[in-house]
Amino acid sequence: MTQKALAERLHMSVRTIIEIEKCKSNPKFETVALLAKELNISLDAAIFPDMVTGTVSKTVIDFFAGKSEAEIQKYIALCKQAETFQKDK
């Protein structure tokens, strides 16, 4: 599926899709869920593509259940920062 087709199906701009794909934006959890559903991938695979090699014991939905959007975004930012530190080693 092209970026344009995906953007049209989700009523988003192509630029938004490109920025998400290149990790240049910090989409809301709902947006990630829509993308995962449209692309027929799990939320785990969408958020943690390097960690999904088999089954994940705790799903992303369970982990984020009851958390506010602000808490979710802080956790995602923390994960990105940790990933940067790992790459610098």
Protein backbone atom coordinates (compact mmCIF):
# COMPACT_ATOMS: atom_id res chain seq x y z
CA MET A 1 0.00 0.00 0.00
CA THR A 2 1.33 3.43 -0.86
CA GLN A 3 1.63 6.25 1.65
CA LYS A 4 -0.96 8.17 -0.35
CA ALA A 5 -3.45 5.28 -0.28
CA LEU A 6 -2.93 4.79 3.45
CA ALA A 7 -3.39 8.51 4.11
CA GLU A 8 -6.60 8.56 2.10
CA ARG A 9 -8.00 5.49 3.88
CA LEU A 10 -7.30 7.05 7.29
CA HIS A 11 -8.30 10.60 6.29
CA MET A 12 -4.82 11.91 7.03
CA SER A 13 -2.34 13.86 4.99
CA VAL A 14 0.47 12.07 3.18
CA ARG A 15 2.90 14.27 5.09
CA THR A 16 1.52 12.91 8.40
CA ILE A 17 2.05 9.33 7.24
CA ILE A 18 5.60 10.11 6.10
CA GLU A 19 6.48 11.82 9.40
CA ILE A 20 5.14 8.88 11.39
CA GLU A 21 7.03 6.41 9.19
CA LYS A 22 10.29 8.33 9.62
CA CYS A 23 9.73 8.76 13.40
CA LYS A 24 9.62 12.52 13.00
CA SER A 25 6.31 12.88 14.82
CA ASN A 26 4.85 11.65 18.05
CA PRO A 27 1.38 10.38 17.09
CA LYS A 28 -1.41 9.85 19.59
CA PHE A 29 -2.01 6.30 20.72
CA GLU A 30 -5.32 6.30 18.85
CA THR A 31 -3.48 7.12 15.62
CA VAL A 32 -1.03 4.26 16.17
CA ALA A 33 -3.99 1.94 16.82
CA LEU A 34 -5.68 3.05 13.57
CA LEU A 35 -2.47 2.50 11.61
CA ALA A 36 -1.94 -0.94 13.14
CA LYS A 37 -5.50 -1.95 12.36
CA GLU A 38 -5.31 -0.68 8.77
CA LEU A 39 -1.95 -2.38 8.19
CA ASN A 40 -3.15 -5.56 9.93
CA ILE A 41 -0.31 -5.63 12.46
CA SER A 42 -0.40 -5.88 16.24
CA LEU A 43 0.02 -2.82 18.41
CA ASP A 44 3.12 -4.47 19.86
CA ALA A 45 4.63 -4.67 16.39
CA ALA A 46 3.68 -1.06 15.63
CA ILE A 47 5.19 0.36 18.80
CA PHE A 48 8.07 -2.04 19.48
CA PRO A 49 9.01 -3.55 16.09
CA ASP A 50 12.43 -4.73 17.29
CA MET A 51 11.01 -6.54 20.31
CA VAL A 52 8.32 -8.56 18.56
CA THR A 53 9.97 -11.79 17.56
CA GLY A 54 7.35 -14.17 18.87
CA THR A 55 4.77 -13.69 21.51
CA VAL A 56 4.92 -10.81 23.91
CA SER A 57 3.78 -11.73 27.40
CA LYS A 58 2.03 -8.45 28.11
CA THR A 59 0.25 -6.57 25.36
CA VAL A 60 0.64 -2.88 24.80
CA ILE A 61 -3.07 -2.40 25.40
CA ASP A 62 -2.80 -4.03 28.83
CA PHE A 63 0.27 -1.99 29.67
CA PHE A 64 -1.33 1.35 28.75
CA ALA A 65 -4.80 0.55 30.14
CA GLY A 66 -5.97 3.32 32.45
CA LYS A 67 -3.12 5.66 31.60
CA SER A 68 -3.74 9.16 30.27
CA GLU A 69 -2.53 10.30 26.86
CA ALA A 70 0.12 12.41 28.64
CA GLU A 71 1.42 9.37 30.56
CA ILE A 72 1.53 7.32 27.37
CA GLN A 73 3.46 10.02 25.52
CA LYS A 74 5.95 10.35 28.40
CA TYR A 75 6.58 6.60 28.34
CA ILE A 76 7.06 6.58 24.56
CA ALA A 77 9.50 9.50 24.85
CA LEU A 78 11.40 7.64 27.58
CA CYS A 79 11.61 4.54 25.37
CA LYS A 80 12.95 6.62 22.48
CA GLN A 81 15.55 8.18 24.77
CA ALA A 82 16.62 4.76 26.04
CA GLU A 83 16.89 3.55 22.45
CA THR A 84 19.16 6.50 21.64
CA PHE A 85 21.42 5.64 24.60
CA GLN A 86 21.61 2.01 23.41
CA LYS A 87 22.67 3.13 19.94
CA ASP A 88 25.38 5.38 21.39
CA LYS A 89 27.05 2.48 23.25
